Amino acid sequence: MAGIVLAFGSKDNLMEDVHLLSKKWSENARIVVVSGPAVREAVLEKASALFVEENLVLVLFDPPPVIISDLETTLRLLKERTGIIIYSTVSDFSLAPSLEVERVNIETEKQERVKSKVLAAVRGDGKKMTDKAYALLKERVKDEALLEQELAKLISYVGDKKVIEAKDVVAVVTELDEEDFINLSEAIARKDRKRIIAILDVLLSQGTNLLAIHSFMARQISLLLQARDAGDLLATAPEFRGFSKGFSKLKEALDTTPSERRNFLAYQKPYYAYNLSKSSQKFTDTTLLSLLRMLSQFDRMVKKGTKYDRVNFEVGLLGI
């Protein structure tokens, strides 16, 4: 018997969450996501099929309650044959008790997972962390994939000190807004020099270290190149839901599971990947590779020692 999972999450995390939830049934699940009126058609089609793939997981994204109510009997039959995830972004979404669903709050589970990782890292080094420091760390590290890296930097920074405080987090962990970097990359694509400098000014005025901007940009340009390479598979649709169909297959195209997932487009949050994919269409491969070369040259200059890091960085960006 497969079953039904009722999960509560957000649109931005949809694909990431369903990939995680689908492991309940299969490590190599073939995930099919449907929403709106298509929910009725998909459920009826799978329920009437003579054979259903063993690794199929059907995801009903924000399904209209009236359709779920109409399909209650069909869903009870279908859940015996395949895994079903009903993913809702509405916290008060409910289902009939007769469906016997397993309820999962993604955000609650994520918070518990983050807490466990932080405690393991801190205690493993014989340290403690104040509540204020922990709250600030969670606020600044929004991408869970970056958590271990930021914890390692934090533990190294405090050295022999036994208690990690909020001021330590402020000093080490930089809050980066992905939207700012999307805007920066689009300004570069348009060769809008005034906008490039304006966004750079905002990032630096917020206390973002120039090397953090450099590191984030290098990673983002790599992701933009990956988005261009995956163009045929992604076939960037004008709407997010259309894009997500191709994006869900991207992980399957990888030969192995990478250790540094944050560096791969397939492991980004779906809506961020969608924005990256749209942005990638505004560049040529030549421009993106030129940006990577500029960032590499800047990195070498910094390591050799220079008094004019910001000026060199701006000149490099404006020269693309």
C-alpha atoms as a PDB file:
ATOM      1  CA  MET A   1       0.000   0.000   0.000  1.00  0.00           C
ATOM      2  CA  ALA A   2       1.289   3.492  -0.849  1.00  0.00           C
ATOM      3  CA  GLY A   3      -0.826   6.195   0.787  1.00  0.00           C
ATOM      4  CA  ILE A   4      -1.455   9.925   0.872  1.00  0.00           C
ATOM      5  CA  VAL A   5       0.701  12.605   2.476  1.00  0.00           C
ATOM      6  CA  LEU A   6      -0.801  16.026   3.156  1.00  0.00           C
ATOM      7  CA  ALA A   7       2.103  18.488   3.264  1.00  0.00           C
ATOM      8  CA  PHE A   8       2.058  22.186   4.126  1.00  0.00           C
ATOM      9  CA  GLY A   9       4.801  24.337   2.598  1.00  0.00           C
ATOM     10  CA  SER A  10       5.512  27.236   0.267  1.00  0.00           C
ATOM     11  CA  LYS A  11       5.482  27.611  -3.525  1.00  0.00           C
ATOM     12  CA  ASP A  12       9.198  28.436  -3.606  1.00  0.00           C
ATOM     13  CA  ASN A  13      10.074  25.127  -1.937  1.00  0.00           C
ATOM     14  CA  LEU A  14       7.583  22.931  -3.796  1.00  0.00           C
ATOM     15  CA  MET A  15       9.960  20.771  -5.856  1.00  0.00           C
ATOM     16  CA  GLU A  16      12.595  20.543  -3.134  1.00  0.00           C
ATOM     17  CA  ASP A  17       9.954  19.404  -0.634  1.00  0.00           C
ATOM     18  CA  VAL A  18       8.216  16.859  -2.852  1.00  0.00           C
ATOM     19  CA  HIS A  19      11.531  15.265  -3.830  1.00  0.00           C
ATOM     20  CA  LEU A  20      12.237  14.794  -0.131  1.00  0.00           C
ATOM     21  CA  LEU A  21       8.749  13.502   0.660  1.00  0.00           C
ATOM     22  CA  SER A  22       8.707  11.112  -2.310  1.00  0.00           C
ATOM     23  CA  LYS A  23      11.594   9.148  -0.767  1.00  0.00           C
ATOM     24  CA  LYS A  24       8.953   7.667   1.535  1.00  0.00           C
ATOM     25  CA  TRP A  25       8.053   5.461  -1.427  1.00  0.00           C
ATOM     26  CA  SER A  26      11.015   5.453  -3.800  1.00  0.00           C
ATOM     27  CA  GLU A  27      14.596   6.746  -3.996  1.00  0.00           C
ATOM     28  CA  ASN A  28      14.084   7.208  -7.745  1.00  0.00           C
ATOM     29  CA  ALA A  29      10.525   8.483  -7.845  1.00  0.00           C
ATOM     30  CA  ARG A  30       9.010   9.782 -11.072  1.00  0.00           C
ATOM     31  CA  ILE A  31       7.217  12.846  -9.799  1.00  0.00           C
ATOM     32  CA  VAL A  32       4.186  14.232 -11.628  1.00  0.00           C
ATOM     33  CA  VAL A  33       2.932  17.626 -10.412  1.00  0.00           C
ATOM     34  CA  VAL A  34      -0.545  18.859 -11.338  1.00  0.00           C
ATOM     35  CA  SER A  35      -2.636  21.786 -10.138  1.00  0.00           C
ATOM     36  CA  GLY A  36      -5.959  23.507 -10.742  1.00  0.00           C
ATOM     37  CA  PRO A  37      -8.502  21.742 -12.987  1.00  0.00           C
ATOM     38  CA  ALA A  38      -5.760  19.322 -14.172  1.00  0.00           C
ATOM     39  CA  VAL A  39      -5.973  17.603 -10.765  1.00  0.00           C
ATOM     40  CA  ARG A  40      -9.263  15.922 -11.658  1.00  0.00           C
ATOM     41  CA  GLU A  41      -7.986  14.676 -15.022  1.00  0.00           C
ATOM     42  CA  ALA A  42      -4.721  13.317 -13.576  1.00  0.00           C
ATOM     43  CA  VAL A  43      -6.357  11.459 -10.682  1.00  0.00           C
ATOM     44  CA  LEU A  44      -9.004   9.883 -12.913  1.00  0.00           C
ATOM     45  CA  GLU A  45      -6.398   8.928 -15.526  1.00  0.00           C
ATOM     46  CA  LYS A  46      -4.085   7.212 -13.015  1.00  0.00           C
ATOM     47  CA  ALA A  47      -6.954   5.514 -11.209  1.00  0.00           C
ATOM     48  CA  SER A  48      -8.329   4.034 -14.441  1.00  0.00           C
ATOM     49  CA  ALA A  49      -4.949   2.891 -15.795  1.00  0.00           C
ATOM     50  CA  LEU A  50      -4.452  -0.862 -16.034  1.00  0.00           C
ATOM     51  CA  PHE A  51      -0.903  -0.528 -14.713  1.00  0.00           C
ATOM     52  CA  VAL A  52       0.655   2.271 -12.638  1.00  0.00           C
ATOM     53  CA  GLU A  53       4.428   2.729 -12.564  1.00  0.00           C
ATOM     54  CA  GLU A  54       5.915   1.399  -9.333  1.00  0.00           C
ATOM     55  CA  ASN A  55       7.951   4.545  -8.739  1.00  0.00           C
ATOM     56  CA  LEU A  56       5.221   7.064  -9.629  1.00  0.00           C
ATOM     57  CA  VAL A  57       4.404   9.794  -7.089  1.00  0.00           C
ATOM     58  CA  LEU A  58       1.462  12.034  -7.957  1.00  0.00           C
ATOM     59  CA  VAL A  59       1.647  15.558  -6.498  1.00  0.00           C
ATOM     60  CA  LEU A  60      -1.558  17.599  -6.270  1.00  0.00           C
ATOM     61  CA  PHE A  61      -0.398  21.197  -5.800  1.00  0.00           C
ATOM     62  CA  ASP A  62      -2.953  23.474  -4.073  1.00  0.00           C
ATOM     63  CA  PRO A  63      -5.837  21.384  -5.429  1.00  0.00           C
ATOM     64  CA  PRO A  64      -9.298  23.013  -5.405  1.00  0.00           C
ATOM     65  CA  PRO A  65     -11.148  21.602  -2.340  1.00  0.00           C
ATOM     66  CA  VAL A  66     -14.278  20.933  -4.389  1.00  0.00           C
ATOM     67  CA  ILE A  67     -12.330  18.659  -6.757  1.00  0.00           C
ATOM     68  CA  ILE A  68     -10.749  16.742  -3.861  1.00  0.00           C
ATOM     69  CA  SER A  69     -14.188  16.311  -2.315  1.00  0.00           C
ATOM     70  CA  ASP A  70     -15.613  14.982  -5.610  1.00  0.00           C
ATOM     71  CA  LEU A  71     -12.680  12.579  -6.023  1.00  0.00           C
ATOM     72  CA  GLU A  72     -12.650  11.229  -2.461  1.00  0.00           C
ATOM     73  CA  THR A  73     -13.643   7.688  -3.420  1.00  0.00           C
ATOM     74  CA  THR A  74     -11.240   7.626  -6.379  1.00  0.00           C
ATOM     75  CA  LEU A  75      -8.367   8.870  -4.187  1.00  0.00           C
ATOM     76  CA  ARG A  76      -9.024   6.112  -1.640  1.00  0.00           C
ATOM     77  CA  LEU A  77      -8.637   3.551  -4.424  1.00  0.00           C
ATOM     78  CA  LEU A  78      -5.638   5.230  -6.061  1.00  0.00           C
ATOM     79  CA  LYS A  79      -3.644   5.524  -2.825  1.00  0.00           C
ATOM     80  CA  GLU A  80      -3.510   1.718  -2.700  1.00  0.00           C
ATOM     81  CA  ARG A  81      -1.551   1.757  -5.981  1.00  0.00           C
ATOM     82  CA  THR A  82       0.728   4.775  -5.818  1.00  0.00           C
ATOM     83  CA  GLY A  83       2.066   7.502  -3.569  1.00  0.00           C
ATOM     84  CA  ILE A  84       0.070  10.732  -3.497  1.00  0.00           C
ATOM     85  CA  ILE A  85       1.260  14.049  -2.089  1.00  0.00           C
ATOM     86  CA  ILE A  86      -1.307  16.776  -1.571  1.00  0.00           C
ATOM     87  CA  TYR A  87       0.823  19.901  -1.202  1.00  0.00           C
ATOM     88  CA  SER A  88      -0.920  22.963   0.178  1.00  0.00           C
ATOM     89  CA  THR A  89       0.355  26.501   0.701  1.00  0.00           C
ATOM     90  CA  VAL A  90      -2.767  27.231   2.754  1.00  0.00           C
ATOM     91  CA  SER A  91      -2.419  26.324   6.434  1.00  0.00           C
ATOM     92  CA  ASP A  92      -6.125  25.599   7.036  1.00  0.00           C
ATOM     93  CA  PHE A  93      -6.513  23.195   4.089  1.00  0.00           C
ATOM     94  CA  SER A  94      -8.300  20.049   5.303  1.00  0.00           C
ATOM     95  CA  LEU A  95      -9.314  16.644   3.988  1.00  0.00           C
ATOM     96  CA  ALA A  96     -11.986  14.133   4.860  1.00  0.00           C
ATOM     97  CA  PRO A  97     -10.901  11.801   7.732  1.00  0.00           C
ATOM     98  CA  SER A  98     -11.843   8.814   5.571  1.00  0.00           C
ATOM     99  CA  LEU A  99      -8.803   9.467   3.336  1.00  0.00           C
ATOM    100  CA  GLU A 100      -6.516   8.607   6.288  1.00  0.00           C
ATOM    101  CA  VAL A 101      -3.687  10.938   5.256  1.00  0.00           C
ATOM    102  CA  GLU A 102      -0.312  11.468   6.913  1.00  0.00           C
ATOM    103  CA  ARG A 103       0.033  15.172   7.777  1.00  0.00           C
ATOM    104  CA  VAL A 104       3.458  16.809   7.420  1.00  0.00           C
ATOM    105  CA  ASN A 105       4.386  20.418   8.196  1.00  0.00           C
ATOM    106  CA  ILE A 106       7.479  21.022   6.077  1.00  0.00           C
ATOM    107  CA  GLU A 107       8.513  24.200   7.870  1.00  0.00           C
ATOM    108  CA  THR A 108       8.299  22.559  11.308  1.00  0.00           C
ATOM    109  CA  GLU A 109      10.364  19.601  10.128  1.00  0.00           C
ATOM    110  CA  LYS A 110      12.930  21.936   8.581  1.00  0.00           C
ATOM    111  CA  GLN A 111      13.267  23.912  11.835  1.00  0.00           C
ATOM    112  CA  GLU A 112      13.859  20.703  13.779  1.00  0.00           C
ATOM    113  CA  ARG A 113      16.438  19.558  11.225  1.00  0.00           C
ATOM    114  CA  VAL A 114      18.290  22.899  11.355  1.00  0.00           C
ATOM    115  CA  LYS A 115      18.271  22.846  15.157  1.00  0.00           C
ATOM    116  CA  SER A 116      19.742  19.325  15.198  1.00  0.00           C
ATOM    117  CA  LYS A 117      22.522  20.292  12.769  1.00  0.00           C
ATOM    118  CA  VAL A 118      23.456  23.392  14.761  1.00  0.00           C
ATOM    119  CA  LEU A 119      23.471  21.520  18.085  1.00  0.00           C
ATOM    120  CA  ALA A 120      25.581  18.680  16.643  1.00  0.00           C
ATOM    121  CA  ALA A 121      28.166  21.086  15.184  1.00  0.00           C
ATOM    122  CA  VAL A 122      28.404  23.304  18.261  1.00  0.00           C
ATOM    123  CA  ARG A 123      28.468  20.497  20.843  1.00  0.00           C
ATOM    124  CA  GLY A 124      30.882  18.517  18.706  1.00  0.00           C
ATOM    125  CA  ASP A 125      33.379  21.328  19.212  1.00  0.00           C
ATOM    126  CA  GLY A 126      32.660  21.620  22.924  1.00  0.00           C
ATOM    127  CA  LYS A 127      30.806  24.940  22.620  1.00  0.00           C
ATOM    128  CA  LYS A 128      27.414  26.459  23.342  1.00  0.00           C
ATOM    129  CA  MET A 129      25.336  29.061  21.478  1.00  0.00           C
ATOM    130  CA  THR A 130      23.056  31.711  22.948  1.00  0.00           C
ATOM    131  CA  ASP A 131      19.398  31.859  21.916  1.00  0.00           C
ATOM    132  CA  LYS A 132      19.957  35.266  20.289  1.00  0.00           C
ATOM    133  CA  ALA A 133      22.885  33.930  18.279  1.00  0.00           C
ATOM    134  CA  TYR A 134      20.830  30.938  17.107  1.00  0.00           C
ATOM    135  CA  ALA A 135      17.879  33.140  16.094  1.00  0.00           C
ATOM    136  CA  LEU A 136      20.200  35.455  14.157  1.00  0.00           C
ATOM    137  CA  LEU A 137      21.944  32.520  12.460  1.00  0.00           C
ATOM    138  CA  LYS A 138      18.581  31.142  11.243  1.00  0.00           C
ATOM    139  CA  GLU A 139      17.573  34.594  10.016  1.00  0.00           C
ATOM    140  CA  ARG A 140      20.781  35.089   8.037  1.00  0.00           C
ATOM    141  CA  VAL A 141      21.225  31.574   6.630  1.00  0.00           C
ATOM    142  CA  LYS A 142      18.020  31.053   4.669  1.00  0.00           C
ATOM    143  CA  ASP A 143      19.489  28.345   2.421  1.00  0.00           C
ATOM    144  CA  GLU A 144      19.914  25.147   4.455  1.00  0.00           C
ATOM    145  CA  ALA A 145      22.592  23.956   2.034  1.00  0.00           C
ATOM    146  CA  LEU A 146      24.860  26.757   3.325  1.00  0.00           C
ATOM    147  CA  LEU A 147      24.335  25.981   7.020  1.00  0.00           C
ATOM    148  CA  GLU A 148      27.256  23.602   7.595  1.00  0.00           C
ATOM    149  CA  GLN A 149      29.673  25.915   5.791  1.00  0.00           C
ATOM    150  CA  GLU A 150      28.569  28.948   7.853  1.00  0.00           C
ATOM    151  CA  LEU A 151      28.747  26.958  11.101  1.00  0.00           C
ATOM    152  CA  ALA A 152      32.307  25.885  10.304  1.00  0.00           C
ATOM    153  CA  LYS A 153      33.280  29.535   9.689  1.00  0.00           C
ATOM    154  CA  LEU A 154      31.590  30.591  12.929  1.00  0.00           C
ATOM    155  CA  ILE A 155      33.263  27.916  15.063  1.00  0.00           C
ATOM    156  CA  SER A 156      36.640  28.728  13.549  1.00  0.00           C
ATOM    157  CA  TYR A 157      36.113  32.457  14.197  1.00  0.00           C
ATOM    158  CA  VAL A 158      35.363  32.134  17.942  1.00  0.00           C
ATOM    159  CA  GLY A 159      38.427  29.963  18.483  1.00  0.00           C
ATOM    160  CA  ASP A 160      38.824  28.927  22.136  1.00  0.00           C
ATOM    161  CA  LYS A 161      35.758  30.854  23.263  1.00  0.00           C
ATOM    162  CA  LYS A 162      33.153  28.439  24.636  1.00  0.00           C
ATOM    163  CA  VAL A 163      29.977  30.411  23.973  1.00  0.00           C
ATOM    164  CA  ILE A 164      28.979  31.679  20.515  1.00  0.00           C
ATOM    165  CA  GLU A 165      27.150  35.003  20.861  1.00  0.00           C
ATOM    166  CA  ALA A 166      25.030  37.122  18.530  1.00  0.00           C
ATOM    167  CA  LYS A 167      27.936  39.514  17.940  1.00  0.00           C
ATOM    168  CA  ASP A 168      29.970  36.571  16.581  1.00  0.00           C
ATOM    169  CA  VAL A 169      27.220  35.747  14.086  1.00  0.00           C
ATOM    170  CA  VAL A 170      27.064  39.415  13.037  1.00  0.00           C
ATOM    171  CA  ALA A 171      30.809  39.426  12.451  1.00  0.00           C
ATOM    172  CA  VAL A 172      30.998  36.222  10.423  1.00  0.00           C
ATOM    173  CA  VAL A 173      27.676  35.321   8.793  1.00  0.00           C
ATOM    174  CA  THR A 174      26.650  37.677   5.991  1.00  0.00           C
ATOM    175  CA  GLU A 175      22.983  37.895   5.026  1.00  0.00           C
ATOM    176  CA  LEU A 176      22.679  37.703   1.265  1.00  0.00           C
ATOM    177  CA  ASP A 177      19.462  38.479  -0.588  1.00  0.00           C
ATOM    178  CA  GLU A 178      19.224  36.335  -3.708  1.00  0.00           C
ATOM    179  CA  GLU A 179      16.894  38.900  -5.283  1.00  0.00           C
ATOM    180  CA  ASP A 180      19.659  41.541  -5.177  1.00  0.00           C
ATOM    181  CA  PHE A 181      21.955  39.246  -7.132  1.00  0.00           C
ATOM    182  CA  ILE A 182      19.265  38.427  -9.680  1.00  0.00           C
ATOM    183  CA  ASN A 183      18.842  42.194 -10.173  1.00  0.00           C
ATOM    184  CA  LEU A 184      22.613  42.672 -10.432  1.00  0.00           C
ATOM    185  CA  SER A 185      22.970  39.959 -13.067  1.00  0.00           C
ATOM    186  CA  GLU A 186      20.111  41.446 -15.106  1.00  0.00           C
ATOM    187  CA  ALA A 187      21.722  44.903 -14.924  1.00  0.00           C
ATOM    188  CA  ILE A 188      24.964  43.363 -16.206  1.00  0.00           C
ATOM    189  CA  ALA A 189      23.064  41.632 -19.025  1.00  0.00           C
ATOM    190  CA  ARG A 190      21.573  44.984 -20.058  1.00  0.00           C
ATOM    191  CA  LYS A 191      24.972  46.696 -19.620  1.00  0.00           C
ATOM    192  CA  ASP A 192      23.164  49.205 -17.394  1.00  0.00           C
ATOM    193  CA  ARG A 193      26.243  50.696 -15.724  1.00  0.00           C
ATOM    194  CA  LYS A 194      24.343  53.079 -13.427  1.00  0.00           C
ATOM    195  CA  ARG A 195      22.171  50.228 -12.147  1.00  0.00           C
ATOM    196  CA  ILE A 196      25.204  47.964 -11.625  1.00  0.00           C
ATOM    197  CA  ILE A 197      26.923  50.560  -9.430  1.00  0.00           C
ATOM    198  CA  ALA A 198      23.675  51.372  -7.583  1.00  0.00           C
ATOM    199  CA  ILE A 199      23.048  47.717  -6.637  1.00  0.00           C
ATOM    200  CA  LEU A 200      26.685  47.262  -5.643  1.00  0.00           C
ATOM    201  CA  ASP A 201      26.392  50.350  -3.419  1.00  0.00           C
ATOM    202  CA  VAL A 202      23.283  48.924  -1.735  1.00  0.00           C
ATOM    203  CA  LEU A 203      24.953  45.572  -1.052  1.00  0.00           C
ATOM    204  CA  LEU A 204      28.070  47.195   0.411  1.00  0.00           C
ATOM    205  CA  SER A 205      26.062  49.703   2.480  1.00  0.00           C
ATOM    206  CA  GLN A 206      24.191  46.754   4.033  1.00  0.00           C
ATOM    207  CA  GLY A 207      27.524  45.493   5.333  1.00  0.00           C
ATOM    208  CA  THR A 208      28.002  42.775   2.726  1.00  0.00           C
ATOM    209  CA  ASN A 209      31.694  41.994   2.360  1.00  0.00           C
ATOM    210  CA  LEU A 210      33.066  42.511  -1.167  1.00  0.00           C
ATOM    211  CA  LEU A 211      34.535  39.001  -1.154  1.00  0.00           C
ATOM    212  CA  ALA A 212      31.109  37.606  -0.220  1.00  0.00           C
ATOM    213  CA  ILE A 213      29.637  39.424  -3.239  1.00  0.00           C
ATOM    214  CA  HIS A 214      32.453  38.009  -5.398  1.00  0.00           C
ATOM    215  CA  SER A 215      31.837  34.468  -4.111  1.00  0.00           C
ATOM    216  CA  PHE A 216      28.071  34.692  -4.572  1.00  0.00           C
ATOM    217  CA  MET A 217      28.439  36.100  -8.082  1.00  0.00           C
ATOM    218  CA  ALA A 218      30.869  33.346  -9.124  1.00  0.00           C
ATOM    219  CA  ARG A 219      28.375  30.734  -7.929  1.00  0.00           C
ATOM    220  CA  GLN A 220      25.460  32.490  -9.617  1.00  0.00           C
ATOM    221  CA  ILE A 221      27.228  32.791 -12.973  1.00  0.00           C
ATOM    222  CA  SER A 222      27.994  29.081 -12.820  1.00  0.00           C
ATOM    223  CA  LEU A 223      24.265  28.455 -12.214  1.00  0.00           C
ATOM    224  CA  LEU A 224      23.344  30.729 -15.145  1.00  0.00           C
ATOM    225  CA  LEU A 225      25.647  28.709 -17.416  1.00  0.00           C
ATOM    226  CA  GLN A 226      24.030  25.508 -16.177  1.00  0.00           C
ATOM    227  CA  ALA A 227      20.602  26.986 -16.920  1.00  0.00           C
ATOM    228  CA  ARG A 228      21.686  27.763 -20.483  1.00  0.00           C
ATOM    229  CA  ASP A 229      23.097  24.238 -20.896  1.00  0.00           C
ATOM    230  CA  ALA A 230      19.824  22.763 -19.638  1.00  0.00           C
ATOM    231  CA  GLY A 231      17.747  24.959 -21.940  1.00  0.00           C
ATOM    232  CA  ASP A 232      16.276  22.075 -23.946  1.00  0.00           C
ATOM    233  CA  LEU A 233      15.193  20.224 -20.821  1.00  0.00           C
ATOM    234  CA  LEU A 234      13.871  23.279 -19.007  1.00  0.00           C
ATOM    235  CA  ALA A 235      12.345  24.949 -22.081  1.00  0.00           C
ATOM    236  CA  THR A 236      11.693  28.001 -19.933  1.00  0.00           C
ATOM    237  CA  ALA A 237       7.941  28.473 -19.827  1.00  0.00           C
ATOM    238  CA  PRO A 238       6.310  31.887 -19.329  1.00  0.00           C
ATOM    239  CA  GLU A 239       4.782  30.594 -16.089  1.00  0.00           C
ATOM    240  CA  PHE A 240       6.418  28.916 -13.095  1.00  0.00           C
ATOM    241  CA  ARG A 241       4.164  25.852 -13.213  1.00  0.00           C
ATOM    242  CA  GLY A 242       5.208  25.084 -16.770  1.00  0.00           C
ATOM    243  CA  PHE A 243       8.881  25.480 -15.856  1.00  0.00           C
ATOM    244  CA  SER A 244       8.585  23.157 -12.850  1.00  0.00           C
ATOM    245  CA  LYS A 245       7.709  20.176 -15.071  1.00  0.00           C
ATOM    246  CA  GLY A 246      11.124  20.260 -16.741  1.00  0.00           C
ATOM    247  CA  PHE A 247      12.933  21.271 -13.554  1.00  0.00           C
ATOM    248  CA  SER A 248      11.699  18.178 -11.723  1.00  0.00           C
ATOM    249  CA  LYS A 249      13.628  16.021 -14.227  1.00  0.00           C
ATOM    250  CA  LEU A 250      16.893  17.929 -13.874  1.00  0.00           C
ATOM    251  CA  LYS A 251      18.231  15.877 -10.948  1.00  0.00           C
ATOM    252  CA  GLU A 252      17.702  12.698 -12.953  1.00  0.00           C
ATOM    253  CA  ALA A 253      20.078  14.067 -15.612  1.00  0.00           C
ATOM    254  CA  LEU A 254      22.959  14.149 -13.103  1.00  0.00           C
ATOM    255  CA  ASP A 255      25.185  11.068 -13.085  1.00  0.00           C
ATOM    256  CA  THR A 256      25.872  11.267  -9.348  1.00  0.00           C
ATOM    257  CA  THR A 257      24.619  13.106  -6.276  1.00  0.00           C
ATOM    258  CA  PRO A 258      27.051  16.019  -5.761  1.00  0.00           C
ATOM    259  CA  SER A 259      28.525  16.715  -2.331  1.00  0.00           C
ATOM    260  CA  GLU A 260      28.205  20.498  -2.832  1.00  0.00           C
ATOM    261  CA  ARG A 261      24.566  20.640  -3.918  1.00  0.00           C
ATOM    262  CA  ARG A 262      24.333  24.429  -3.610  1.00  0.00           C
ATOM    263  CA  ASN A 263      26.571  24.719  -6.689  1.00  0.00           C
ATOM    264  CA  PHE A 264      24.142  22.829  -8.939  1.00  0.00           C
ATOM    265  CA  LEU A 265      21.024  24.278 -10.542  1.00  0.00           C
ATOM    266  CA  ALA A 266      19.042  21.075  -9.936  1.00  0.00           C
ATOM    267  CA  TYR A 267      19.304  21.587  -6.166  1.00  0.00           C
ATOM    268  CA  GLN A 268      18.231  25.235  -6.043  1.00  0.00           C
ATOM    269  CA  LYS A 269      14.838  26.261  -4.763  1.00  0.00           C
ATOM    270  CA  PRO A 270      12.486  25.888  -7.747  1.00  0.00           C
ATOM    271  CA  TYR A 271      11.348  29.504  -7.920  1.00  0.00           C
ATOM    272  CA  TYR A 272      14.923  30.799  -7.644  1.00  0.00           C
ATOM    273  CA  ALA A 273      15.941  28.358 -10.407  1.00  0.00           C
ATOM    274  CA  TYR A 274      13.024  29.662 -12.486  1.00  0.00           C
ATOM    275  CA  ASN A 275      14.302  33.244 -12.133  1.00  0.00           C
ATOM    276  CA  LEU A 276      17.847  32.126 -12.930  1.00  0.00           C
ATOM    277  CA  SER A 277      16.634  30.335 -16.034  1.00  0.00           C
ATOM    278  CA  LYS A 278      14.807  33.441 -17.242  1.00  0.00           C
ATOM    279  CA  SER A 279      17.875  35.588 -16.541  1.00  0.00           C
ATOM    280  CA  SER A 280      20.178  33.174 -18.387  1.00  0.00           C
ATOM    281  CA  GLN A 281      18.316  33.845 -21.630  1.00  0.00           C
ATOM    282  CA  LYS A 282      19.464  37.477 -21.486  1.00  0.00           C
ATOM    283  CA  PHE A 283      23.144  36.489 -21.637  1.00  0.00           C
ATOM    284  CA  THR A 284      25.357  34.821 -24.190  1.00  0.00           C
ATOM    285  CA  ASP A 285      27.783  32.076 -23.159  1.00  0.00           C
ATOM    286  CA  THR A 286      30.623  34.446 -24.134  1.00  0.00           C
ATOM    287  CA  THR A 287      29.457  37.136 -21.696  1.00  0.00           C
ATOM    288  CA  LEU A 288      29.038  34.681 -18.814  1.00  0.00           C
ATOM    289  CA  LEU A 289      32.466  33.142 -19.427  1.00  0.00           C
ATOM    290  CA  SER A 290      33.975  36.653 -19.572  1.00  0.00           C
ATOM    291  CA  LEU A 291      32.411  37.379 -16.179  1.00  0.00           C
ATOM    292  CA  LEU A 292      33.908  34.201 -14.733  1.00  0.00           C
ATOM    293  CA  ARG A 293      37.350  35.177 -16.063  1.00  0.00           C
ATOM    294  CA  MET A 294      36.996  38.659 -14.554  1.00  0.00           C
ATOM    295  CA  LEU A 295      36.070  37.202 -11.158  1.00  0.00           C
ATOM    296  CA  SER A 296      38.990  34.781 -11.333  1.00  0.00           C
ATOM    297  CA  GLN A 297      41.423  37.629 -12.118  1.00  0.00           C
ATOM    298  CA  PHE A 298      39.975  39.709  -9.272  1.00  0.00           C
ATOM    299  CA  ASP A 299      40.438  36.773  -6.881  1.00  0.00           C
ATOM    300  CA  ARG A 300      44.116  36.539  -7.845  1.00  0.00           C
ATOM    301  CA  MET A 301      44.602  40.295  -7.353  1.00  0.00           C
ATOM    302  CA  VAL A 302      43.089  40.167  -3.868  1.00  0.00           C
ATOM    303  CA  LYS A 303      45.282  37.237  -2.852  1.00  0.00           C
ATOM    304  CA  LYS A 304      48.378  39.105  -4.047  1.00  0.00           C
ATOM    305  CA  GLY A 305      47.284  42.179  -2.085  1.00  0.00           C
ATOM    306  CA  THR A 306      45.754  45.383  -3.415  1.00  0.00           C
ATOM    307  CA  LYS A 307      44.514  48.655  -1.902  1.00  0.00           C
ATOM    308  CA  TYR A 308      41.810  49.206  -4.493  1.00  0.00           C
ATOM    309  CA  ASP A 309      39.603  46.125  -4.283  1.00  0.00           C
ATOM    310  CA  ARG A 310      36.299  47.920  -4.837  1.00  0.00           C
ATOM    311  CA  VAL A 311      37.617  50.014  -7.720  1.00  0.00           C
ATOM    312  CA  ASN A 312      39.084  46.933  -9.418  1.00  0.00           C
ATOM    313  CA  PHE A 313      35.831  45.036  -8.919  1.00  0.00           C
ATOM    314  CA  GLU A 314      33.729  47.853 -10.398  1.00  0.00           C
ATOM    315  CA  VAL A 315      36.100  48.291 -13.348  1.00  0.00           C
ATOM    316  CA  GLY A 316      35.928  44.551 -14.009  1.00  0.00           C
ATOM    317  CA  LEU A 317      32.100  44.526 -13.960  1.00  0.00           C
ATOM    318  CA  LEU A 318      31.762  47.616 -16.136  1.00  0.00           C
ATOM    319  CA  GLY A 319      34.269  46.262 -18.647  1.00  0.00           C
ATOM    320  CA  ILE A 320      32.183  43.191 -19.544  1.00  0.00           C
END
